[in-house]
Amino acid sequence: MEIKDLESFYINESSQTLDVTFRILSDNDDEIRADQIDLSETKTFGYNFSKDDTDDLWDEDDDEDYFDTYGEEFDMDEEEMISFLNEYYLIYPNRLPNTQLY
């Protein structure tokens, strides 16, 4: 099992989930998989996709400096997301969602 295409990913701060849609190598182009993963799971694997840890660093007067200093550190990189998903579903293959028609 390996992620072929990462269609979309989004951190839902209110529900504390990572919402993803993707395809694995065995999926056809007209199939897609969608999942919601608890953010606590991402931290268990050593990934931090949440910006909650920077709330105390926010200074409304220094918006530009904030993004220059901290923005890149919390940018959600597609390759990093794929790496996490590959590890997650390797450890928990029973959590791999079924395909849906796209």
N, C-alpha and C. Protein backbone atom coordinates (compact mmCIF):
# COMPACT_ATOMS: atom_id res chain seq x y z
N MET A 1 0.84 -1.17 0.00
CA MET A 1 0.00 0.00 0.00
C MET A 1 0.89 1.23 0.00
N GLU A 2 0.69 2.07 -0.99
CA GLU A 2 1.42 3.33 -1.07
C GLU A 2 0.52 4.39 -1.69
N ILE A 3 0.61 5.59 -1.18
CA ILE A 3 -0.20 6.70 -1.69
C ILE A 3 0.31 7.07 -3.08
N LYS A 4 -0.60 7.09 -4.05
CA LYS A 4 -0.27 7.47 -5.42
C LYS A 4 -0.55 8.96 -5.62
N ASP A 5 -1.72 9.42 -5.22
CA ASP A 5 -2.14 10.82 -5.37
C ASP A 5 -2.76 11.31 -4.08
N LEU A 6 -2.33 12.46 -3.64
CA LEU A 6 -2.97 13.12 -2.51
C LEU A 6 -3.87 14.19 -3.10
N GLU A 7 -5.16 13.93 -3.12
CA GLU A 7 -6.12 14.84 -3.75
C GLU A 7 -6.30 16.10 -2.91
N SER A 8 -6.54 15.93 -1.61
CA SER A 8 -6.70 17.09 -0.72
C SER A 8 -6.41 16.69 0.72
N PHE A 9 -6.05 17.69 1.52
CA PHE A 9 -5.88 17.49 2.95
C PHE A 9 -6.17 18.80 3.66
N TYR A 10 -6.75 18.67 4.83
CA TYR A 10 -7.20 19.83 5.57
C TYR A 10 -7.18 19.53 7.06
N ILE A 11 -6.65 20.45 7.86
CA ILE A 11 -6.70 20.32 9.31
C ILE A 11 -7.98 20.97 9.79
N ASN A 12 -8.87 20.16 10.36
CA ASN A 12 -10.11 20.68 10.92
C ASN A 12 -9.86 20.93 12.41
N GLU A 13 -9.55 22.18 12.75
CA GLU A 13 -9.19 22.53 14.13
C GLU A 13 -10.36 22.31 15.10
N SER A 14 -11.58 22.53 14.63
CA SER A 14 -12.73 22.38 15.54
C SER A 14 -12.96 20.93 15.96
N SER A 15 -12.76 19.99 15.04
CA SER A 15 -12.95 18.58 15.38
C SER A 15 -11.63 17.88 15.69
N GLN A 16 -10.51 18.63 15.57
CA GLN A 16 -9.17 18.08 15.83
C GLN A 16 -8.90 16.84 14.97
N THR A 17 -9.23 16.96 13.67
CA THR A 17 -8.99 15.86 12.74
C THR A 17 -8.22 16.34 11.51
N LEU A 18 -7.57 15.41 10.90
CA LEU A 18 -6.94 15.60 9.60
C LEU A 18 -7.88 14.97 8.58
N ASP A 19 -8.43 15.77 7.67
CA ASP A 19 -9.35 15.28 6.64
C ASP A 19 -8.56 15.12 5.34
N VAL A 20 -8.51 13.91 4.80
CA VAL A 20 -7.72 13.64 3.61
C VAL A 20 -8.54 12.89 2.56
N THR A 21 -8.22 13.15 1.30
CA THR A 21 -8.73 12.35 0.18
C THR A 21 -7.52 11.99 -0.67
N PHE A 22 -7.45 10.72 -1.09
CA PHE A 22 -6.25 10.24 -1.78
C PHE A 22 -6.56 8.98 -2.57
N ARG A 23 -5.54 8.55 -3.33
CA ARG A 23 -5.57 7.27 -4.05
C ARG A 23 -4.31 6.50 -3.69
N ILE A 24 -4.45 5.18 -3.66
CA ILE A 24 -3.26 4.35 -3.50
C ILE A 24 -2.93 3.75 -4.88
N LEU A 25 -1.79 3.10 -4.97
CA LEU A 25 -1.32 2.59 -6.26
C LEU A 25 -2.31 1.66 -6.94
N SER A 26 -3.06 0.89 -6.18
CA SER A 26 -3.99 -0.07 -6.78
C SER A 26 -5.33 0.54 -7.18
N ASP A 27 -5.56 1.81 -6.86
CA ASP A 27 -6.83 2.47 -7.20
C ASP A 27 -6.84 2.94 -8.65
N ASN A 28 -8.03 2.89 -9.26
CA ASN A 28 -8.21 3.44 -10.60
C ASN A 28 -8.37 4.95 -10.50
N ASP A 29 -8.27 5.63 -11.64
CA ASP A 29 -8.38 7.09 -11.65
C ASP A 29 -9.77 7.59 -11.26
N ASP A 30 -10.78 6.74 -11.40
CA ASP A 30 -12.14 7.16 -11.04
C ASP A 30 -12.52 6.76 -9.61
N GLU A 31 -11.54 6.33 -8.83
CA GLU A 31 -11.78 5.95 -7.44
C GLU A 31 -11.00 6.89 -6.52
N ILE A 32 -11.56 7.10 -5.33
CA ILE A 32 -10.92 7.96 -4.33
C ILE A 32 -11.20 7.41 -2.94
N ARG A 33 -10.35 7.72 -2.01
CA ARG A 33 -10.53 7.32 -0.61
C ARG A 33 -10.57 8.58 0.24
N ALA A 34 -11.44 8.61 1.22
CA ALA A 34 -11.56 9.76 2.12
C ALA A 34 -11.48 9.25 3.56
N ASP A 35 -10.77 10.00 4.39
CA ASP A 35 -10.62 9.59 5.78
C ASP A 35 -10.50 10.82 6.68
N GLN A 36 -10.84 10.62 7.94
CA GLN A 36 -10.62 11.61 9.00
C GLN A 36 -9.76 10.93 10.06
N ILE A 37 -8.62 11.52 10.35
CA ILE A 37 -7.68 10.95 11.31
C ILE A 37 -7.51 11.94 12.45
N ASP A 38 -7.61 11.46 13.68
CA ASP A 38 -7.41 12.32 14.84
C ASP A 38 -6.02 12.93 14.80
N LEU A 39 -5.93 14.23 15.11
CA LEU A 39 -4.63 14.89 15.13
C LEU A 39 -3.68 14.26 16.14
N SER A 40 -4.23 13.67 17.19
CA SER A 40 -3.38 13.01 18.18
C SER A 40 -2.60 11.87 17.53
N GLU A 41 -3.17 11.22 16.52
CA GLU A 41 -2.48 10.15 15.80
C GLU A 41 -1.27 10.69 15.05
N THR A 42 -1.40 11.88 14.46
CA THR A 42 -0.27 12.45 13.73
C THR A 42 0.89 12.73 14.67
N LYS A 43 0.57 13.20 15.87
CA LYS A 43 1.62 13.50 16.85
C LYS A 43 2.28 12.21 17.35
N THR A 44 1.51 11.13 17.44
CA THR A 44 2.06 9.83 17.84
C THR A 44 3.14 9.38 16.86
N PHE A 45 2.95 9.72 15.58
CA PHE A 45 3.91 9.34 14.54
C PHE A 45 5.03 10.37 14.37
N GLY A 46 5.02 11.42 15.21
CA GLY A 46 6.08 12.42 15.16
C GLY A 46 5.82 13.58 14.21
N TYR A 47 4.59 13.74 13.74
CA TYR A 47 4.24 14.84 12.86
C TYR A 47 3.37 15.83 13.64
N ASN A 48 3.58 17.12 13.39
CA ASN A 48 2.75 18.14 14.04
C ASN A 48 2.18 19.03 12.95
N PHE A 49 0.95 18.74 12.55
CA PHE A 49 0.29 19.51 11.51
C PHE A 49 -0.62 20.59 12.09
N SER A 50 -0.62 20.77 13.41
CA SER A 50 -1.50 21.73 14.08
C SER A 50 -0.73 22.99 14.42
N LYS A 51 -1.39 24.14 14.31
CA LYS A 51 -0.77 25.41 14.67
C LYS A 51 -1.07 25.80 16.11
N ASP A 52 -1.74 24.97 16.86
CA ASP A 52 -2.10 25.29 18.25
C ASP A 52 -0.90 25.64 19.10
N ASP A 53 0.23 25.03 18.82
CA ASP A 53 1.42 25.24 19.64
C ASP A 53 2.01 26.63 19.50
N THR A 54 1.56 27.40 18.50
CA THR A 54 2.11 28.74 18.28
C THR A 54 1.17 29.84 18.74
N ASP A 55 0.04 29.51 19.34
CA ASP A 55 -0.91 30.54 19.75
C ASP A 55 -0.29 31.59 20.66
N ASP A 56 0.57 31.18 21.56
CA ASP A 56 1.19 32.13 22.48
C ASP A 56 2.24 33.00 21.79
N LEU A 57 2.65 32.64 20.60
CA LEU A 57 3.65 33.41 19.88
C LEU A 57 3.04 34.50 19.01
N TRP A 58 1.74 34.47 18.82
CA TRP A 58 1.06 35.38 17.91
C TRP A 58 1.03 36.79 18.46
N ASP A 59 1.46 37.75 17.67
CA ASP A 59 1.42 39.16 18.02
C ASP A 59 0.79 39.87 16.84
N GLU A 60 -0.41 40.39 17.04
CA GLU A 60 -1.15 40.98 15.93
C GLU A 60 -0.41 42.15 15.29
N ASP A 61 0.45 42.82 16.06
CA ASP A 61 1.20 43.95 15.51
C ASP A 61 2.34 43.50 14.62
N ASP A 62 2.75 42.25 14.75
CA ASP A 62 3.88 41.74 13.98
C ASP A 62 3.48 40.60 13.07
N ASP A 63 2.36 40.73 12.38
CA ASP A 63 1.89 39.66 11.49
C ASP A 63 2.96 39.24 10.50
N GLU A 64 3.62 40.21 9.88
CA GLU A 64 4.61 39.90 8.87
C GLU A 64 5.79 39.15 9.46
N ASP A 65 6.29 39.64 10.60
CA ASP A 65 7.41 38.96 11.26
C ASP A 65 7.03 37.57 11.69
N TYR A 66 5.79 37.39 12.15
CA TYR A 66 5.33 36.07 12.61
C TYR A 66 5.42 35.07 11.48
N PHE A 67 4.90 35.44 10.30
CA PHE A 67 4.91 34.50 9.19
C PHE A 67 6.32 34.26 8.68
N ASP A 68 7.17 35.28 8.72
CA ASP A 68 8.55 35.09 8.31
C ASP A 68 9.27 34.12 9.25
N THR A 69 8.98 34.24 10.54
CA THR A 69 9.66 33.44 11.54
C THR A 69 9.06 32.06 11.70
N TYR A 70 7.72 31.97 11.77
CA TYR A 70 7.07 30.71 12.14
C TYR A 70 6.27 30.07 11.01
N GLY A 71 5.97 30.80 9.95
CA GLY A 71 5.10 30.29 8.90
C GLY A 71 5.62 29.05 8.22
N GLU A 72 6.90 29.04 7.86
CA GLU A 72 7.44 27.88 7.14
C GLU A 72 7.47 26.64 8.02
N GLU A 73 7.70 26.84 9.31
CA GLU A 73 7.79 25.70 10.22
C GLU A 73 6.48 24.91 10.27
N PHE A 74 5.36 25.59 10.07
CA PHE A 74 4.07 24.92 10.17
C PHE A 74 3.36 24.82 8.83
N ASP A 75 4.10 25.04 7.75
CA ASP A 75 3.55 24.81 6.42
C ASP A 75 3.28 23.32 6.26
N MET A 76 2.12 22.99 5.76
CA MET A 76 1.81 21.58 5.55
C MET A 76 2.34 21.17 4.18
N ASP A 77 3.37 20.41 4.20
CA ASP A 77 4.05 19.96 3.00
C ASP A 77 3.38 18.68 2.49
N GLU A 78 3.08 18.65 1.19
CA GLU A 78 2.40 17.49 0.61
C GLU A 78 3.24 16.23 0.76
N GLU A 79 4.53 16.32 0.58
CA GLU A 79 5.40 15.14 0.73
C GLU A 79 5.40 14.63 2.16
N GLU A 80 5.39 15.55 3.11
CA GLU A 80 5.35 15.16 4.52
C GLU A 80 4.01 14.49 4.85
N MET A 81 2.94 15.01 4.27
CA MET A 81 1.61 14.42 4.48
C MET A 81 1.56 13.02 3.90
N ILE A 82 2.08 12.83 2.70
CA ILE A 82 2.12 11.50 2.07
C ILE A 82 2.95 10.54 2.91
N SER A 83 4.06 11.02 3.41
CA SER A 83 4.92 10.19 4.26
C SER A 83 4.16 9.73 5.51
N PHE A 84 3.46 10.66 6.15
CA PHE A 84 2.67 10.29 7.32
C PHE A 84 1.61 9.25 6.97
N LEU A 85 0.86 9.49 5.88
CA LEU A 85 -0.21 8.56 5.50
C LEU A 85 0.34 7.17 5.17
N ASN A 86 1.46 7.12 4.48
CA ASN A 86 2.07 5.82 4.18
C ASN A 86 2.44 5.08 5.46
N GLU A 87 3.02 5.77 6.42
CA GLU A 87 3.37 5.15 7.69
C GLU A 87 2.12 4.72 8.46
N TYR A 88 1.14 5.60 8.51
CA TYR A 88 -0.09 5.36 9.27
C TYR A 88 -0.81 4.11 8.77
N TYR A 89 -1.00 4.01 7.45
CA TYR A 89 -1.73 2.87 6.90
C TYR A 89 -0.87 1.60 6.84
N LEU A 90 0.44 1.74 6.90
CA LEU A 90 1.30 0.57 7.02
C LEU A 90 1.13 -0.06 8.40
N ILE A 91 1.06 0.78 9.43
CA ILE A 91 0.88 0.30 10.81
C ILE A 91 -0.56 -0.15 11.06
N TYR A 92 -1.52 0.58 10.48
CA TYR A 92 -2.95 0.29 10.68
C TYR A 92 -3.65 0.00 9.35
N PRO A 93 -3.35 -1.12 8.70
CA PRO A 93 -3.96 -1.40 7.40
C PRO A 93 -5.48 -1.57 7.48
N ASN A 94 -6.00 -1.95 8.62
CA ASN A 94 -7.45 -2.12 8.76
C ASN A 94 -8.18 -0.78 8.79
N ARG A 95 -7.47 0.33 8.95
CA ARG A 95 -8.08 1.66 8.95
C ARG A 95 -8.12 2.31 7.57
N LEU A 96 -7.54 1.64 6.57
CA LEU A 96 -7.55 2.17 5.21
C LEU A 96 -9.00 2.24 4.72
N PRO A 97 -9.47 3.41 4.34
CA PRO A 97 -10.88 3.51 3.90
C PRO A 97 -11.10 2.84 2.56
N ASN A 98 -12.33 2.40 2.34
CA ASN A 98 -12.72 1.80 1.07
C ASN A 98 -12.77 2.87 -0.02
N THR A 99 -12.69 2.44 -1.26
CA THR A 99 -12.75 3.37 -2.38
C THR A 99 -14.19 3.81 -2.60
N GLN A 100 -14.30 5.01 -3.15
CA GLN A 100 -15.58 5.57 -3.58
C GLN A 100 -15.40 6.05 -5.01
N LEU A 101 -16.48 6.06 -5.77
CA LEU A 101 -16.37 6.59 -7.12
C LEU A 101 -16.16 8.09 -7.05
N TYR A 102 -15.25 8.57 -7.90
CA TYR A 102 -14.86 9.97 -7.87
C TYR A 102 -15.72 10.81 -8.75
